[in-house]
Amino acid sequence: MIKVLIVDDQELMRDGLATILNLRPEIEVVGVASNGKEAFEKASHLLPDIVLMDIRMPIANGVEGTKLITSSLPDTKVLMLTTFNDSAIIFEALEEGASGYLLKDMPTDAIVQAIMTVQSGGMVLPKELTAEIVKEMRRSQPADHHTDVPQIIKDLTERELEVLSKLGLGLNNKEIANELFISEGTVKNHVSNLISKLELRDRTQAAIFAVRYHITSF
């Protein structure tokens, strides 16, 4: 059973989601919180597997809450609850270690699947949503701003680039292995190598890198 903590400053949202998710046999909602600071305090005590974290909250927002949790509780993963209006700060949350994001109004089955994906080591980067967010980021950038791919990308092999592209789509090692017709162990080695070569912290940052520099094609 996957232990989940729900964080949202709107009582109706968090309690409603808690009630719905508690009906699922594979999930146990162990608590709720109303801001990022409270989320960290409760997560430190309850040790949930997954934290469903809203982005815009008073006192401490979702980005701050994510940073607190991922830096102190390595076994707890954070999944962001967002709206399209949050696009400017979604990537900030990912850079602080969030394992992905999904829209608040997604069907319950989609939320449950996202939780299970993150629990199994994958990321949740909805393809259509990510494409829209990247477009919005481009529109918000100055006209003379260019997102040039770092030269360090040339250190990657063709296979490592393929794996990096799949990471940008949120695939886990098993899914990447199936798509590229290689073993999970080989995928794991490629992921470790490309993270090292690109001087990144983890696979989350690798996925962000792939999206930011358009290595993943939509």
N, C-alpha and C. Protein backbone atom coordinates (compact mmCIF):
# COMPACT_ATOMS: atom_id res chain seq x y z
N MET A 1 0.84 -1.20 0.00
CA MET A 1 0.00 0.00 0.00
C MET A 1 0.87 1.25 0.00
N ILE A 2 0.52 2.21 -0.84
CA ILE A 2 1.30 3.44 -0.98
C ILE A 2 0.75 4.50 -0.02
N LYS A 3 1.62 5.02 0.84
CA LYS A 3 1.21 6.05 1.80
C LYS A 3 1.32 7.44 1.16
N VAL A 4 0.24 8.20 1.23
CA VAL A 4 0.18 9.49 0.55
C VAL A 4 -0.19 10.61 1.52
N LEU A 5 0.50 11.75 1.36
CA LEU A 5 0.18 12.97 2.09
C LEU A 5 -0.32 13.99 1.06
N ILE A 6 -1.47 14.62 1.34
CA ILE A 6 -2.06 15.58 0.41
C ILE A 6 -1.90 16.99 0.95
N VAL A 7 -1.37 17.89 0.10
CA VAL A 7 -1.08 19.26 0.53
C VAL A 7 -1.79 20.25 -0.38
N ASP A 8 -2.72 21.03 0.18
CA ASP A 8 -3.45 22.04 -0.58
C ASP A 8 -4.06 23.01 0.42
N ASP A 9 -4.02 24.30 0.12
CA ASP A 9 -4.57 25.28 1.07
C ASP A 9 -6.09 25.35 1.01
N GLN A 10 -6.70 24.72 0.01
CA GLN A 10 -8.16 24.69 -0.07
C GLN A 10 -8.68 23.41 0.60
N GLU A 11 -9.37 23.59 1.70
CA GLU A 11 -9.83 22.46 2.50
C GLU A 11 -10.69 21.50 1.68
N LEU A 12 -11.58 22.04 0.86
CA LEU A 12 -12.46 21.20 0.07
C LEU A 12 -11.67 20.32 -0.89
N MET A 13 -10.64 20.90 -1.49
CA MET A 13 -9.81 20.16 -2.44
C MET A 13 -9.06 19.03 -1.76
N ARG A 14 -8.36 19.34 -0.68
CA ARG A 14 -7.52 18.33 -0.05
C ARG A 14 -8.34 17.24 0.63
N ASP A 15 -9.44 17.62 1.29
CA ASP A 15 -10.25 16.61 1.98
C ASP A 15 -11.03 15.77 0.96
N GLY A 16 -11.48 16.41 -0.12
CA GLY A 16 -12.19 15.67 -1.15
C GLY A 16 -11.29 14.66 -1.82
N LEU A 17 -10.07 15.07 -2.14
CA LEU A 17 -9.12 14.17 -2.78
C LEU A 17 -8.73 13.04 -1.83
N ALA A 18 -8.57 13.38 -0.55
CA ALA A 18 -8.23 12.36 0.45
C ALA A 18 -9.33 11.30 0.53
N THR A 19 -10.57 11.74 0.54
CA THR A 19 -11.71 10.81 0.62
C THR A 19 -11.75 9.88 -0.58
N ILE A 20 -11.55 10.46 -1.77
CA ILE A 20 -11.59 9.68 -3.01
C ILE A 20 -10.44 8.67 -3.07
N LEU A 21 -9.23 9.12 -2.74
CA LEU A 21 -8.06 8.24 -2.82
C LEU A 21 -8.10 7.13 -1.77
N ASN A 22 -8.69 7.43 -0.63
CA ASN A 22 -8.78 6.41 0.43
C ASN A 22 -9.69 5.26 0.05
N LEU A 23 -10.50 5.45 -0.97
CA LEU A 23 -11.36 4.38 -1.45
C LEU A 23 -10.60 3.37 -2.29
N ARG A 24 -9.39 3.74 -2.70
CA ARG A 24 -8.58 2.85 -3.53
C ARG A 24 -7.77 1.91 -2.66
N PRO A 25 -7.82 0.61 -2.92
CA PRO A 25 -7.14 -0.37 -2.06
C PRO A 25 -5.62 -0.25 -2.05
N GLU A 26 -5.06 0.34 -3.13
CA GLU A 26 -3.59 0.42 -3.20
C GLU A 26 -3.02 1.67 -2.54
N ILE A 27 -3.91 2.54 -2.02
CA ILE A 27 -3.46 3.82 -1.47
C ILE A 27 -4.01 4.05 -0.06
N GLU A 28 -3.17 4.59 0.80
CA GLU A 28 -3.60 5.01 2.14
C GLU A 28 -3.19 6.48 2.33
N VAL A 29 -4.17 7.35 2.50
CA VAL A 29 -3.88 8.76 2.77
C VAL A 29 -3.57 8.89 4.26
N VAL A 30 -2.32 9.19 4.58
CA VAL A 30 -1.89 9.20 5.98
C VAL A 30 -2.04 10.57 6.63
N GLY A 31 -2.31 11.61 5.81
CA GLY A 31 -2.47 12.94 6.38
C GLY A 31 -2.70 13.99 5.32
N VAL A 32 -3.04 15.21 5.77
CA VAL A 32 -3.21 16.36 4.87
C VAL A 32 -2.49 17.55 5.50
N ALA A 33 -2.15 18.51 4.65
CA ALA A 33 -1.48 19.74 5.12
C ALA A 33 -1.94 20.89 4.24
N SER A 34 -1.77 22.12 4.76
CA SER A 34 -2.31 23.29 4.06
C SER A 34 -1.25 24.20 3.44
N ASN A 35 0.05 23.89 3.66
CA ASN A 35 1.12 24.67 3.04
C ASN A 35 2.41 23.86 3.05
N GLY A 36 3.44 24.37 2.38
CA GLY A 36 4.68 23.64 2.25
C GLY A 36 5.40 23.38 3.57
N LYS A 37 5.34 24.33 4.48
CA LYS A 37 6.00 24.17 5.78
C LYS A 37 5.32 23.06 6.59
N GLU A 38 4.00 23.10 6.62
CA GLU A 38 3.25 22.08 7.34
C GLU A 38 3.45 20.71 6.69
N ALA A 39 3.55 20.72 5.37
CA ALA A 39 3.78 19.47 4.64
C ALA A 39 5.09 18.82 5.08
N PHE A 40 6.14 19.63 5.20
CA PHE A 40 7.43 19.10 5.62
C PHE A 40 7.36 18.56 7.04
N GLU A 41 6.70 19.31 7.93
CA GLU A 41 6.59 18.87 9.32
C GLU A 41 5.84 17.55 9.43
N LYS A 42 4.74 17.43 8.68
CA LYS A 42 3.96 16.20 8.74
C LYS A 42 4.67 15.05 8.04
N ALA A 43 5.33 15.35 6.94
CA ALA A 43 6.06 14.30 6.22
C ALA A 43 7.21 13.75 7.08
N SER A 44 7.84 14.61 7.85
CA SER A 44 8.94 14.18 8.72
C SER A 44 8.45 13.20 9.78
N HIS A 45 7.20 13.36 10.16
CA HIS A 45 6.61 12.49 11.20
C HIS A 45 5.93 11.26 10.59
N LEU A 46 5.19 11.46 9.50
CA LEU A 46 4.39 10.38 8.92
C LEU A 46 5.15 9.53 7.91
N LEU A 47 6.23 10.09 7.34
CA LEU A 47 7.07 9.40 6.36
C LEU A 47 6.24 8.79 5.22
N PRO A 48 5.49 9.60 4.49
CA PRO A 48 4.72 9.08 3.36
C PRO A 48 5.62 8.68 2.21
N ASP A 49 5.11 7.82 1.34
CA ASP A 49 5.85 7.45 0.13
C ASP A 49 5.77 8.58 -0.90
N ILE A 50 4.57 9.17 -1.01
CA ILE A 50 4.31 10.21 -2.01
C ILE A 50 3.63 11.40 -1.35
N VAL A 51 4.05 12.61 -1.71
CA VAL A 51 3.36 13.83 -1.29
C VAL A 51 2.74 14.46 -2.53
N LEU A 52 1.40 14.61 -2.52
CA LEU A 52 0.72 15.35 -3.58
C LEU A 52 0.72 16.81 -3.16
N MET A 53 1.45 17.64 -3.87
CA MET A 53 1.75 19.01 -3.42
C MET A 53 1.18 20.07 -4.37
N ASP A 54 0.27 20.90 -3.85
CA ASP A 54 -0.19 22.05 -4.62
C ASP A 54 0.97 23.03 -4.76
N ILE A 55 0.92 23.88 -5.77
CA ILE A 55 2.02 24.82 -5.97
C ILE A 55 1.79 26.15 -5.25
N ARG A 56 0.63 26.74 -5.46
CA ARG A 56 0.39 28.09 -4.91
C ARG A 56 -0.33 27.99 -3.57
N MET A 57 0.43 28.25 -2.49
CA MET A 57 -0.11 28.20 -1.13
C MET A 57 0.53 29.30 -0.28
N PRO A 58 -0.16 29.76 0.76
CA PRO A 58 0.42 30.78 1.65
C PRO A 58 1.48 30.17 2.57
N ILE A 59 2.21 31.05 3.24
CA ILE A 59 3.26 30.68 4.22
C ILE A 59 4.48 30.06 3.53
N ALA A 60 4.28 28.90 2.91
CA ALA A 60 5.35 28.27 2.13
C ALA A 60 4.69 27.58 0.94
N ASN A 61 5.06 27.98 -0.28
CA ASN A 61 4.41 27.39 -1.45
C ASN A 61 4.94 25.99 -1.75
N GLY A 62 4.44 25.41 -2.84
CA GLY A 62 4.81 24.05 -3.17
C GLY A 62 6.26 23.86 -3.52
N VAL A 63 6.86 24.88 -4.13
CA VAL A 63 8.29 24.79 -4.47
C VAL A 63 9.13 24.74 -3.20
N GLU A 64 8.81 25.60 -2.25
CA GLU A 64 9.53 25.61 -0.98
C GLU A 64 9.32 24.31 -0.22
N GLY A 65 8.07 23.83 -0.21
CA GLY A 65 7.78 22.57 0.46
C GLY A 65 8.51 21.41 -0.16
N THR A 66 8.58 21.40 -1.48
CA THR A 66 9.29 20.35 -2.20
C THR A 66 10.77 20.35 -1.85
N LYS A 67 11.37 21.52 -1.81
CA LYS A 67 12.79 21.63 -1.48
C LYS A 67 13.07 21.09 -0.08
N LEU A 68 12.21 21.44 0.88
CA LEU A 68 12.38 20.97 2.25
C LEU A 68 12.31 19.44 2.32
N ILE A 69 11.33 18.88 1.63
CA ILE A 69 11.10 17.43 1.70
C ILE A 69 12.18 16.66 0.96
N THR A 70 12.49 17.04 -0.27
CA THR A 70 13.46 16.28 -1.05
C THR A 70 14.88 16.37 -0.49
N SER A 71 15.18 17.47 0.19
CA SER A 71 16.53 17.62 0.74
C SER A 71 16.71 16.89 2.07
N SER A 72 15.60 16.59 2.75
CA SER A 72 15.70 15.96 4.07
C SER A 72 15.11 14.56 4.14
N LEU A 73 14.21 14.24 3.22
CA LEU A 73 13.52 12.94 3.24
C LEU A 73 13.69 12.26 1.89
N PRO A 74 14.84 11.66 1.64
CA PRO A 74 15.13 11.10 0.31
C PRO A 74 14.21 9.97 -0.12
N ASP A 75 13.53 9.32 0.82
CA ASP A 75 12.65 8.22 0.46
C ASP A 75 11.23 8.68 0.16
N THR A 76 10.97 9.97 0.35
CA THR A 76 9.64 10.53 0.06
C THR A 76 9.69 11.28 -1.26
N LYS A 77 8.77 10.95 -2.15
CA LYS A 77 8.73 11.59 -3.46
C LYS A 77 7.58 12.59 -3.53
N VAL A 78 7.77 13.63 -4.32
CA VAL A 78 6.77 14.70 -4.42
C VAL A 78 6.20 14.76 -5.83
N LEU A 79 4.88 14.82 -5.90
CA LEU A 79 4.17 14.94 -7.17
C LEU A 79 3.34 16.21 -7.10
N MET A 80 3.57 17.13 -8.03
CA MET A 80 2.92 18.43 -7.98
C MET A 80 1.50 18.39 -8.55
N LEU A 81 0.59 19.12 -7.88
CA LEU A 81 -0.76 19.33 -8.39
C LEU A 81 -0.80 20.75 -8.96
N THR A 82 -1.13 20.88 -10.23
CA THR A 82 -0.97 22.17 -10.89
C THR A 82 -2.18 22.58 -11.72
N THR A 83 -2.11 23.81 -12.22
CA THR A 83 -3.02 24.29 -13.27
C THR A 83 -2.14 24.86 -14.37
N PHE A 84 -2.71 25.15 -15.54
CA PHE A 84 -1.91 25.73 -16.61
C PHE A 84 -1.33 27.07 -16.19
N ASN A 85 -2.00 27.76 -15.28
CA ASN A 85 -1.52 29.06 -14.82
C ASN A 85 -0.24 28.96 -14.00
N ASP A 86 0.12 27.74 -13.60
CA ASP A 86 1.31 27.54 -12.78
C ASP A 86 2.57 27.29 -13.61
N SER A 87 2.46 27.40 -14.93
CA SER A 87 3.56 26.96 -15.79
C SER A 87 4.89 27.64 -15.47
N ALA A 88 4.83 28.88 -15.00
CA ALA A 88 6.07 29.62 -14.74
C ALA A 88 6.89 29.00 -13.61
N ILE A 89 6.24 28.30 -12.69
CA ILE A 89 6.99 27.77 -11.54
C ILE A 89 6.98 26.25 -11.46
N ILE A 90 6.32 25.58 -12.40
CA ILE A 90 6.34 24.12 -12.39
C ILE A 90 7.77 23.59 -12.49
N PHE A 91 8.56 24.18 -13.39
CA PHE A 91 9.92 23.70 -13.57
C PHE A 91 10.80 24.02 -12.35
N GLU A 92 10.45 25.06 -11.61
CA GLU A 92 11.17 25.33 -10.36
C GLU A 92 10.99 24.16 -9.40
N ALA A 93 9.76 23.66 -9.32
CA ALA A 93 9.48 22.52 -8.43
C ALA A 93 10.24 21.28 -8.88
N LEU A 94 10.30 21.06 -10.20
CA LEU A 94 11.05 19.92 -10.71
C LEU A 94 12.53 20.05 -10.39
N GLU A 95 13.05 21.25 -10.50
CA GLU A 95 14.46 21.47 -10.20
C GLU A 95 14.78 21.25 -8.72
N GLU A 96 13.76 21.35 -7.88
CA GLU A 96 13.95 21.10 -6.45
C GLU A 96 13.71 19.63 -6.11
N GLY A 97 13.46 18.81 -7.13
CA GLY A 97 13.38 17.37 -6.90
C GLY A 97 12.01 16.74 -7.03
N ALA A 98 10.99 17.50 -7.43
CA ALA A 98 9.67 16.90 -7.63
C ALA A 98 9.75 15.85 -8.73
N SER A 99 8.94 14.81 -8.60
CA SER A 99 8.98 13.70 -9.55
C SER A 99 7.96 13.84 -10.68
N GLY A 100 7.42 15.05 -10.84
CA GLY A 100 6.49 15.28 -11.92
C GLY A 100 5.32 16.13 -11.50
N TYR A 101 4.33 16.22 -12.38
CA TYR A 101 3.18 17.07 -12.10
C TYR A 101 1.97 16.60 -12.88
N LEU A 102 0.80 16.95 -12.39
CA LEU A 102 -0.44 16.65 -13.09
C LEU A 102 -1.47 17.70 -12.75
N LEU A 103 -2.46 17.85 -13.62
CA LEU A 103 -3.49 18.85 -13.41
C LEU A 103 -4.45 18.41 -12.31
N LYS A 104 -4.91 19.39 -11.52
CA LYS A 104 -5.81 19.10 -10.42
C LYS A 104 -7.11 18.44 -10.86
N ASP A 105 -7.58 18.81 -12.05
CA ASP A 105 -8.88 18.31 -12.49
C ASP A 105 -8.81 17.01 -13.29
N MET A 106 -7.66 16.33 -13.22
CA MET A 106 -7.55 15.05 -13.90
C MET A 106 -8.44 14.01 -13.22
N PRO A 107 -8.92 12.99 -13.95
CA PRO A 107 -9.73 11.94 -13.34
C PRO A 107 -8.97 11.21 -12.24
N THR A 108 -9.71 10.65 -11.30
CA THR A 108 -9.09 9.94 -10.18
C THR A 108 -8.17 8.83 -10.66
N ASP A 109 -8.60 8.09 -11.69
CA ASP A 109 -7.77 6.99 -12.20
C ASP A 109 -6.41 7.50 -12.69
N ALA A 110 -6.40 8.69 -13.30
CA ALA A 110 -5.16 9.26 -13.79
C ALA A 110 -4.24 9.65 -12.64
N ILE A 111 -4.84 10.18 -11.56
CA ILE A 111 -4.05 10.56 -10.39
C ILE A 111 -3.46 9.32 -9.74
N VAL A 112 -4.26 8.27 -9.62
CA VAL A 112 -3.78 7.01 -9.03
C VAL A 112 -2.65 6.43 -9.87
N GLN A 113 -2.81 6.44 -11.19
CA GLN A 113 -1.77 5.92 -12.07
C GLN A 113 -0.48 6.73 -11.93
N ALA A 114 -0.63 8.05 -11.78
CA ALA A 114 0.55 8.91 -11.60
C ALA A 114 1.27 8.57 -10.30
N ILE A 115 0.50 8.36 -9.25
CA ILE A 115 1.09 7.98 -7.96
C ILE A 115 1.86 6.68 -8.09
N MET A 116 1.28 5.71 -8.77
CA MET A 116 1.93 4.41 -8.93
C MET A 116 3.18 4.52 -9.81
N THR A 117 3.12 5.37 -10.81
CA THR A 117 4.29 5.58 -11.67
C THR A 117 5.46 6.14 -10.89
N VAL A 118 5.19 7.17 -10.08
CA VAL A 118 6.24 7.78 -9.27
C VAL A 118 6.77 6.79 -8.24
N GLN A 119 5.88 6.02 -7.64
CA GLN A 119 6.29 5.04 -6.64
C GLN A 119 7.21 3.98 -7.25
N SER A 120 7.01 3.67 -8.54
CA SER A 120 7.83 2.65 -9.20
C SER A 120 9.12 3.21 -9.77
N GLY A 121 9.37 4.51 -9.53
CA GLY A 121 10.64 5.10 -9.97
C GLY A 121 10.55 5.92 -11.23
N GLY A 122 9.34 6.07 -11.78
CA GLY A 122 9.18 6.88 -12.98
C GLY A 122 8.89 8.33 -12.65
N MET A 123 8.70 9.12 -13.70
CA MET A 123 8.32 10.51 -13.54
C MET A 123 7.00 10.74 -14.25
N VAL A 124 6.27 11.74 -13.82
CA VAL A 124 5.00 12.08 -14.47
C VAL A 124 5.15 13.44 -15.12
N LEU A 125 5.36 13.41 -16.44
CA LEU A 125 5.48 14.63 -17.22
C LEU A 125 4.50 14.49 -18.39
N PRO A 126 3.22 14.80 -18.15
CA PRO A 126 2.21 14.62 -19.20
C PRO A 126 2.65 15.29 -20.50
N LYS A 127 2.70 14.51 -21.57
CA LYS A 127 3.27 14.97 -22.82
C LYS A 127 2.62 16.26 -23.33
N GLU A 128 1.28 16.26 -23.41
CA GLU A 128 0.58 17.42 -23.94
C GLU A 128 0.76 18.63 -23.03
N LEU A 129 0.66 18.41 -21.72
CA LEU A 129 0.81 19.49 -20.76
C LEU A 129 2.21 20.07 -20.81
N THR A 130 3.21 19.20 -20.87
CA THR A 130 4.60 19.65 -20.94
C THR A 130 4.83 20.48 -22.19
N ALA A 131 4.29 20.03 -23.31
CA ALA A 131 4.44 20.77 -24.56
C ALA A 131 3.85 22.17 -24.43
N GLU A 132 2.68 22.28 -23.81
CA GLU A 132 2.05 23.58 -23.63
C GLU A 132 2.86 24.47 -22.70
N ILE A 133 3.41 23.88 -21.65
CA ILE A 133 4.20 24.64 -20.69
C ILE A 133 5.47 25.18 -21.35
N VAL A 134 6.12 24.32 -22.15
CA VAL A 134 7.33 24.76 -22.84
C VAL A 134 7.01 25.91 -23.81
N LYS A 135 5.88 25.80 -24.50
CA LYS A 135 5.46 26.88 -25.41
C LYS A 135 5.23 28.17 -24.63
N GLU A 136 4.60 28.05 -23.47
CA GLU A 136 4.34 29.22 -22.64
C GLU A 136 5.64 29.84 -22.15
N MET A 137 6.61 28.97 -21.79
CA MET A 137 7.91 29.46 -21.34
C MET A 137 8.62 30.22 -22.46
N ARG A 138 8.48 29.70 -23.69
CA ARG A 138 9.12 30.37 -24.83
C ARG A 138 8.48 31.74 -25.05
N ARG A 139 7.15 31.80 -24.95
CA ARG A 139 6.44 33.07 -25.16
C ARG A 139 6.83 34.10 -24.12
N SER A 140 7.11 33.63 -22.90
CA SER A 140 7.42 34.56 -21.81
C SER A 140 8.87 35.02 -21.81
N GLN A 141 9.71 34.36 -22.63
CA GLN A 141 11.12 34.74 -22.69
C GLN A 141 11.31 35.93 -23.61
N PRO A 142 12.31 36.77 -23.34
CA PRO A 142 12.60 37.90 -24.22
C PRO A 142 12.88 37.43 -25.64
N ALA A 143 12.59 38.28 -26.60
CA ALA A 143 12.75 37.91 -28.01
C ALA A 143 14.20 37.54 -28.34
N ASP A 144 15.15 38.16 -27.64
CA ASP A 144 16.56 37.90 -27.94
C ASP A 144 17.15 36.78 -27.10
N HIS A 145 16.26 36.08 -26.34
CA HIS A 145 16.75 35.00 -25.49
C HIS A 145 16.87 33.71 -26.30
N HIS A 146 18.00 33.03 -26.18
CA HIS A 146 18.18 31.78 -26.88
C HIS A 146 18.56 30.69 -25.89
N THR A 147 17.86 29.55 -25.99
CA THR A 147 18.17 28.42 -25.12
C THR A 147 19.07 27.47 -25.88
N ASP A 148 20.35 27.77 -25.89
CA ASP A 148 21.30 26.96 -26.62
C ASP A 148 21.63 25.70 -25.83
N VAL A 149 21.69 24.59 -26.54
CA VAL A 149 22.05 23.33 -25.88
C VAL A 149 23.52 23.40 -25.46
N PRO A 150 23.83 23.12 -24.20
CA PRO A 150 25.21 23.18 -23.73
C PRO A 150 26.12 22.26 -24.55
N GLN A 151 27.34 22.68 -24.74
CA GLN A 151 28.30 21.89 -25.51
C GLN A 151 28.56 20.52 -24.90
N ILE A 152 28.30 20.42 -23.59
CA ILE A 152 28.57 19.17 -22.88
C ILE A 152 27.73 18.03 -23.42
N ILE A 153 26.66 18.36 -24.14
CA ILE A 153 25.79 17.32 -24.70
C ILE A 153 26.55 16.46 -25.70
N LYS A 154 27.62 17.02 -26.27
CA LYS A 154 28.41 16.27 -27.26
C LYS A 154 29.16 15.11 -26.62
N ASP A 155 29.26 15.11 -25.29
CA ASP A 155 29.94 14.01 -24.60
C ASP A 155 29.07 12.76 -24.53
N LEU A 156 27.78 12.89 -24.85
CA LEU A 156 26.87 11.75 -24.77
C LEU A 156 26.94 10.91 -26.04
N THR A 157 26.79 9.60 -25.88
CA THR A 157 26.70 8.71 -27.03
C THR A 157 25.29 8.82 -27.62
N GLU A 158 25.14 8.26 -28.81
CA GLU A 158 23.82 8.28 -29.46
C GLU A 158 22.78 7.57 -28.59
N ARG A 159 23.17 6.46 -27.98
CA ARG A 159 22.24 5.71 -27.12
C ARG A 159 21.89 6.50 -25.87
N GLU A 160 22.87 7.18 -25.29
CA GLU A 160 22.59 7.99 -24.11
C GLU A 160 21.63 9.14 -24.43
N LEU A 161 21.75 9.70 -25.64
CA LEU A 161 20.82 10.74 -26.07
C LEU A 161 19.41 10.19 -26.21
N GLU A 162 19.30 8.96 -26.71
CA GLU A 162 17.99 8.32 -26.83
C GLU A 162 17.37 8.12 -25.44
N VAL A 163 18.18 7.66 -24.50
CA VAL A 163 17.70 7.45 -23.14
C VAL A 163 17.30 8.78 -22.51
N LEU A 164 18.09 9.81 -22.74
CA LEU A 164 17.79 11.14 -22.20
C LEU A 164 16.45 11.65 -22.74
N SER A 165 16.21 11.41 -24.02
CA SER A 165 14.95 11.82 -24.63
C SER A 165 13.77 11.11 -23.96
N LYS A 166 13.92 9.83 -23.68
CA LYS A 166 12.85 9.07 -23.03
C LYS A 166 12.64 9.55 -21.58
N LEU A 167 13.72 9.93 -20.92
CA LEU A 167 13.58 10.48 -19.56
C LEU A 167 12.72 11.74 -19.60
N GLY A 168 12.90 12.53 -20.65
CA GLY A 168 12.13 13.75 -20.79
C GLY A 168 10.64 13.52 -20.98
N LEU A 169 10.28 12.29 -21.35
CA LEU A 169 8.87 11.93 -21.48
C LEU A 169 8.34 11.28 -20.21
N GLY A 170 9.20 11.18 -19.18
CA GLY A 170 8.77 10.64 -17.90
C GLY A 170 8.79 9.13 -17.81
N LEU A 171 9.45 8.45 -18.75
CA LEU A 171 9.46 6.99 -18.73
C LEU A 171 10.39 6.46 -17.64
N ASN A 172 10.01 5.32 -17.04
CA ASN A 172 10.90 4.67 -16.07
C ASN A 172 11.83 3.73 -16.81
N ASN A 173 12.74 3.09 -16.08
CA ASN A 173 13.76 2.26 -16.73
C ASN A 173 13.16 1.11 -17.54
N LYS A 174 12.12 0.49 -16.99
CA LYS A 174 11.48 -0.64 -17.69
C LYS A 174 10.86 -0.18 -19.00
N GLU A 175 10.18 0.95 -18.97
CA GLU A 175 9.54 1.47 -20.18
C GLU A 175 10.58 1.86 -21.23
N ILE A 176 11.67 2.48 -20.78
CA ILE A 176 12.74 2.85 -21.71
C ILE A 176 13.35 1.59 -22.33
N ALA A 177 13.57 0.57 -21.49
CA ALA A 177 14.14 -0.69 -21.98
C ALA A 177 13.24 -1.30 -23.07
N ASN A 178 11.93 -1.28 -22.84
CA ASN A 178 11.00 -1.86 -23.80
C ASN A 178 11.01 -1.09 -25.13
N GLU A 179 11.09 0.24 -25.04
CA GLU A 179 11.06 1.06 -26.25
C GLU A 179 12.35 0.97 -27.06
N LEU A 180 13.47 0.80 -26.35
CA LEU A 180 14.76 0.77 -27.05
C LEU A 180 15.29 -0.66 -27.25
N PHE A 181 14.51 -1.66 -26.79
CA PHE A 181 14.88 -3.07 -26.94
C PHE A 181 16.23 -3.39 -26.32
N ILE A 182 16.42 -2.88 -25.10
CA ILE A 182 17.63 -3.19 -24.32
C ILE A 182 17.19 -3.59 -22.92
N SER A 183 18.11 -4.08 -22.11
CA SER A 183 17.76 -4.53 -20.76
C SER A 183 17.63 -3.34 -19.80
N GLU A 184 16.90 -3.57 -18.70
CA GLU A 184 16.76 -2.53 -17.69
C GLU A 184 18.12 -2.17 -17.09
N GLY A 185 18.97 -3.18 -16.92
CA GLY A 185 20.31 -2.92 -16.38
C GLY A 185 21.12 -2.00 -17.28
N THR A 186 20.97 -2.20 -18.59
CA THR A 186 21.67 -1.34 -19.55
C THR A 186 21.14 0.08 -19.47
N VAL A 187 19.81 0.21 -19.35
CA VAL A 187 19.21 1.54 -19.21
C VAL A 187 19.75 2.23 -17.96
N LYS A 188 19.79 1.49 -16.86
CA LYS A 188 20.29 2.05 -15.60
C LYS A 188 21.71 2.58 -15.76
N ASN A 189 22.54 1.82 -16.47
CA ASN A 189 23.92 2.26 -16.70
C ASN A 189 23.98 3.52 -17.55
N HIS A 190 23.14 3.56 -18.60
CA HIS A 190 23.11 4.74 -19.46
C HIS A 190 22.65 5.97 -18.68
N VAL A 191 21.63 5.80 -17.84
CA VAL A 191 21.13 6.92 -17.03
C VAL A 191 22.22 7.44 -16.11
N SER A 192 22.92 6.52 -15.44
CA SER A 192 24.00 6.92 -14.54
C SER A 192 25.10 7.66 -15.29
N ASN A 193 25.45 7.16 -16.47
CA ASN A 193 26.51 7.78 -17.26
C ASN A 193 26.14 9.17 -17.74
N LEU A 194 24.91 9.32 -18.24
CA LEU A 194 24.54 10.64 -18.77
C LEU A 194 24.37 11.67 -17.64
N ILE A 195 23.90 11.22 -16.48
CA ILE A 195 23.80 12.12 -15.33
C ILE A 195 25.19 12.61 -14.93
N SER A 196 26.14 11.68 -14.95
CA SER A 196 27.52 12.03 -14.60
C SER A 196 28.13 12.98 -15.62
N LYS A 197 27.97 12.67 -16.90
CA LYS A 197 28.55 13.49 -17.96
C LYS A 197 27.96 14.91 -17.99
N LEU A 198 26.65 15.00 -17.73
CA LEU A 198 25.98 16.31 -17.77
C LEU A 198 26.09 17.05 -16.44
N GLU A 199 26.72 16.39 -15.46
CA GLU A 199 26.93 16.98 -14.13
C GLU A 199 25.60 17.39 -13.49
N LEU A 200 24.66 16.45 -13.54
CA LEU A 200 23.34 16.66 -12.96
C LEU A 200 23.21 15.90 -11.66
N ARG A 201 22.18 16.24 -10.88
CA ARG A 201 22.01 15.62 -9.57
C ARG A 201 21.35 14.25 -9.65
N ASP A 202 20.32 14.14 -10.50
CA ASP A 202 19.55 12.90 -10.56
C ASP A 202 18.75 12.84 -11.86
N ARG A 203 17.91 11.80 -11.99
CA ARG A 203 17.16 11.61 -13.23
C ARG A 203 16.09 12.68 -13.41
N THR A 204 15.64 13.27 -12.33
CA THR A 204 14.67 14.37 -12.45
C THR A 204 15.31 15.53 -13.19
N GLN A 205 16.51 15.91 -12.78
CA GLN A 205 17.21 16.99 -13.46
C GLN A 205 17.53 16.62 -14.91
N ALA A 206 17.78 15.33 -15.15
CA ALA A 206 18.03 14.89 -16.52
C ALA A 206 16.78 15.07 -17.37
N ALA A 207 15.62 14.76 -16.80
CA ALA A 207 14.36 14.94 -17.52
C ALA A 207 14.11 16.41 -17.81
N ILE A 208 14.37 17.26 -16.83
CA ILE A 208 14.21 18.71 -17.02
C ILE A 208 15.13 19.20 -18.13
N PHE A 209 16.37 18.71 -18.11
CA PHE A 209 17.36 19.07 -19.13
C PHE A 209 16.82 18.72 -20.52
N ALA A 210 16.25 17.52 -20.64
CA ALA A 210 15.74 17.06 -21.93
C ALA A 210 14.60 17.95 -22.42
N VAL A 211 13.73 18.35 -21.51
CA VAL A 211 12.59 19.19 -21.89
C VAL A 211 13.06 20.61 -22.21
N ARG A 212 13.91 21.17 -21.34
CA ARG A 212 14.34 22.56 -21.51
C ARG A 212 15.08 22.77 -22.83
N TYR A 213 15.91 21.80 -23.21
CA TYR A 213 16.70 21.97 -24.43
C TYR A 213 16.12 21.23 -25.63
N HIS A 214 14.82 20.85 -25.49
CA HIS A 214 14.07 20.28 -26.61
C HIS A 214 14.71 19.02 -27.16
N ILE A 215 15.36 18.27 -26.30
CA ILE A 215 15.93 16.99 -26.72
C ILE A 215 14.80 15.97 -26.88
N THR A 216 13.73 16.19 -26.13
CA THR A 216 12.54 15.36 -26.28
C THR A 216 11.63 16.03 -27.31
N SER A 217 11.27 15.31 -28.34
CA SER A 217 10.38 15.86 -29.36
C SER A 217 8.93 15.58 -28.99
N PHE A 218 8.10 16.59 -29.12
CA PHE A 218 6.69 16.45 -28.78
C PHE A 218 5.87 16.08 -30.01
